[in-house]
C-alpha atoms as a PDB file:
ATOM      1  CA  MET A   1      11.877 -42.761 -75.010  1.00  0.00           C
ATOM      2  CA  LYS A   2      13.731 -45.755 -76.242  1.00  0.00           C
ATOM      3  CA  ILE A   3      17.257 -45.359 -77.565  1.00  0.00           C
ATOM      4  CA  THR A   4      18.415 -48.143 -79.857  1.00  0.00           C
ATOM      5  CA  LEU A   5      21.730 -49.922 -79.814  1.00  0.00           C
ATOM      6  CA  GLU A   6      22.321 -48.706 -83.366  1.00  0.00           C
ATOM      7  CA  GLU A   7      21.860 -45.064 -82.283  1.00  0.00           C
ATOM      8  CA  ILE A   8      24.416 -45.501 -79.528  1.00  0.00           C
ATOM      9  CA  LYS A   9      26.916 -47.094 -81.932  1.00  0.00           C
ATOM     10  CA  LYS A  10      26.333 -44.362 -84.534  1.00  0.00           C
ATOM     11  CA  THR A  11      26.808 -41.630 -81.963  1.00  0.00           C
ATOM     12  CA  ALA A  12      29.999 -43.234 -80.682  1.00  0.00           C
ATOM     13  CA  LYS A  13      31.316 -43.546 -84.216  1.00  0.00           C
ATOM     14  CA  GLN A  14      30.515 -39.885 -84.950  1.00  0.00           C
ATOM     15  CA  ALA A  15      32.263 -38.848 -81.749  1.00  0.00           C
ATOM     16  CA  LYS A  16      35.201 -41.122 -82.646  1.00  0.00           C
ATOM     17  CA  ILE A  17      34.809 -43.032 -79.345  1.00  0.00           C
ATOM     18  CA  ALA A  18      35.640 -46.720 -79.332  1.00  0.00           C
ATOM     19  CA  ILE A  19      33.095 -48.670 -77.264  1.00  0.00           C
ATOM     20  CA  THR A  20      32.582 -52.384 -76.845  1.00  0.00           C
ATOM     21  CA  GLU A  21      29.295 -54.223 -77.423  1.00  0.00           C
ATOM     22  CA  ASP A  22      28.857 -54.513 -73.650  1.00  0.00           C
ATOM     23  CA  GLU A  23      29.390 -50.762 -73.186  1.00  0.00           C
ATOM     24  CA  ALA A  24      26.984 -49.962 -76.023  1.00  0.00           C
ATOM     25  CA  ALA A  25      24.316 -52.142 -74.408  1.00  0.00           C
ATOM     26  CA  LEU A  26      24.895 -50.512 -71.018  1.00  0.00           C
ATOM     27  CA  TYR A  27      24.771 -46.982 -72.470  1.00  0.00           C
ATOM     28  CA  THR A  28      21.579 -47.849 -74.343  1.00  0.00           C
ATOM     29  CA  LYS A  29      19.915 -48.919 -71.126  1.00  0.00           C
ATOM     30  CA  GLN A  30      21.206 -45.931 -69.107  1.00  0.00           C
ATOM     31  CA  LEU A  31      20.398 -43.305 -71.690  1.00  0.00           C
ATOM     32  CA  SER A  32      16.897 -44.715 -72.202  1.00  0.00           C
ATOM     33  CA  ALA A  33      16.317 -44.544 -68.455  1.00  0.00           C
ATOM     34  CA  VAL A  34      17.419 -40.891 -68.311  1.00  0.00           C
ATOM     35  CA  LEU A  35      15.193 -39.928 -71.263  1.00  0.00           C
ATOM     36  CA  ASN A  36      12.240 -41.759 -69.738  1.00  0.00           C
ATOM     37  CA  TRP A  37      12.759 -39.801 -66.526  1.00  0.00           C
ATOM     38  CA  VAL A  38      12.869 -36.503 -68.502  1.00  0.00           C
ATOM     39  CA  GLU A  39       9.614 -37.480 -70.253  1.00  0.00           C
ATOM     40  CA  GLU A  40       8.053 -38.159 -66.847  1.00  0.00           C
ATOM     41  CA  LEU A  41       9.163 -34.743 -65.605  1.00  0.00           C
ATOM     42  CA  GLN A  42       7.722 -33.055 -68.681  1.00  0.00           C
ATOM     43  CA  SER A  43       4.337 -34.635 -68.027  1.00  0.00           C
ATOM     44  CA  ILE A  44       3.992 -32.874 -64.644  1.00  0.00           C
ATOM     45  CA  ASP A  45       1.473 -30.046 -64.660  1.00  0.00           C
ATOM     46  CA  THR A  46       3.215 -26.945 -63.351  1.00  0.00           C
ATOM     47  CA  SER A  47       0.663 -24.392 -64.533  1.00  0.00           C
ATOM     48  CA  SER A  48      -0.558 -23.760 -60.988  1.00  0.00           C
ATOM     49  CA  ILE A  49       2.908 -22.800 -59.736  1.00  0.00           C
ATOM     50  CA  SER A  50       3.816 -19.103 -59.927  1.00  0.00           C
ATOM     51  CA  GLU A  51       7.304 -17.904 -60.854  1.00  0.00           C
ATOM     52  CA  ASP A  52       7.825 -16.676 -57.309  1.00  0.00           C
ATOM     53  CA  GLU A  53       7.141 -20.137 -55.915  1.00  0.00           C
ATOM     54  CA  ALA A  54       9.455 -21.756 -58.437  1.00  0.00           C
ATOM     55  CA  LYS A  55      12.482 -19.670 -57.471  1.00  0.00           C
ATOM     56  CA  LEU A  56      15.178 -21.276 -55.390  1.00  0.00           C
ATOM     57  CA  SER A  57      14.498 -21.088 -51.717  1.00  0.00           C
ATOM     58  CA  ALA A  58      17.899 -22.376 -50.601  1.00  0.00           C
ATOM     59  CA  PRO A  59      19.838 -19.875 -48.513  1.00  0.00           C
ATOM     60  CA  PHE A  60      22.942 -18.509 -50.176  1.00  0.00           C
ATOM     61  CA  ARG A  61      26.076 -17.971 -48.221  1.00  0.00           C
ATOM     62  CA  GLU A  62      27.909 -14.675 -48.362  1.00  0.00           C
ATOM     63  CA  ASP A  63      31.080 -14.711 -50.444  1.00  0.00           C
ATOM     64  CA  LYS A  64      34.095 -13.887 -48.306  1.00  0.00           C
ATOM     65  CA  ALA A  65      37.617 -13.339 -49.557  1.00  0.00           C
ATOM     66  CA  PHE A  66      40.415 -15.061 -47.699  1.00  0.00           C
ATOM     67  CA  GLN A  67      44.155 -15.367 -48.027  1.00  0.00           C
ATOM     68  CA  ASN A  68      45.481 -18.697 -49.145  1.00  0.00           C
ATOM     69  CA  SER A  69      48.502 -19.576 -47.026  1.00  0.00           C
ATOM     70  CA  ALA A  70      49.875 -21.864 -49.771  1.00  0.00           C
ATOM     71  CA  ALA A  71      49.925 -19.093 -52.405  1.00  0.00           C
ATOM     72  CA  ALA A  72      53.390 -17.852 -51.424  1.00  0.00           C
ATOM     73  CA  GLN A  73      54.796 -21.387 -51.552  1.00  0.00           C
ATOM     74  CA  ILE A  74      53.261 -22.008 -54.959  1.00  0.00           C
ATOM     75  CA  LYS A  75      54.556 -18.688 -56.331  1.00  0.00           C
ATOM     76  CA  ALA A  76      58.027 -19.443 -54.954  1.00  0.00           C
ATOM     77  CA  ALA A  77      58.082 -22.759 -56.857  1.00  0.00           C
ATOM     78  CA  PHE A  78      57.849 -20.921 -60.203  1.00  0.00           C
ATOM     79  CA  ASN A  79      60.912 -19.353 -61.825  1.00  0.00           C
ATOM     80  CA  ASP A  80      59.025 -16.589 -63.591  1.00  0.00           C
ATOM     81  CA  SER A  81      56.023 -14.459 -62.729  1.00  0.00           C
ATOM     82  CA  GLN A  82      54.584 -11.140 -63.887  1.00  0.00           C
ATOM     83  CA  ASP A  83      51.863  -9.009 -62.341  1.00  0.00           C
ATOM     84  CA  ASN A  84      50.954 -11.730 -59.861  1.00  0.00           C
ATOM     85  CA  TYR A  85      50.529 -14.280 -62.699  1.00  0.00           C
ATOM     86  CA  LEU A  86      52.727 -17.367 -62.998  1.00  0.00           C
ATOM     87  CA  LYS A  87      54.450 -17.892 -66.329  1.00  0.00           C
ATOM     88  CA  VAL A  88      54.666 -21.421 -67.728  1.00  0.00           C
ATOM     89  CA  LYS A  89      56.244 -22.861 -70.842  1.00  0.00           C
ATOM     90  CA  LYS A  90      54.157 -22.946 -73.987  1.00  0.00           C
ATOM     91  CA  VAL A  91      52.349 -26.305 -74.456  1.00  0.00           C
ATOM     92  CA  LEU A  92      51.754 -27.412 -77.993  1.00  0.00           C
END
């Protein structure tokens, strides 16, 4: 799928992002390459693959809780805390 330079410029304008002509040309090339790759992936016939085969086969590690030795130092650096939460000034 080919993305045009005008589409990149229009999208940047809608997103209120200032880009140069060189950046627009680069993004046009990069985005077109990504969309071409997606089209290539969509053309692959996966009808012979069952759902069980498609599931991730990577081993998962067990989640283990651990104590962070820096937690006490971080908490000590704050003036105010409540219920194990650190209070910070409001940011507007």
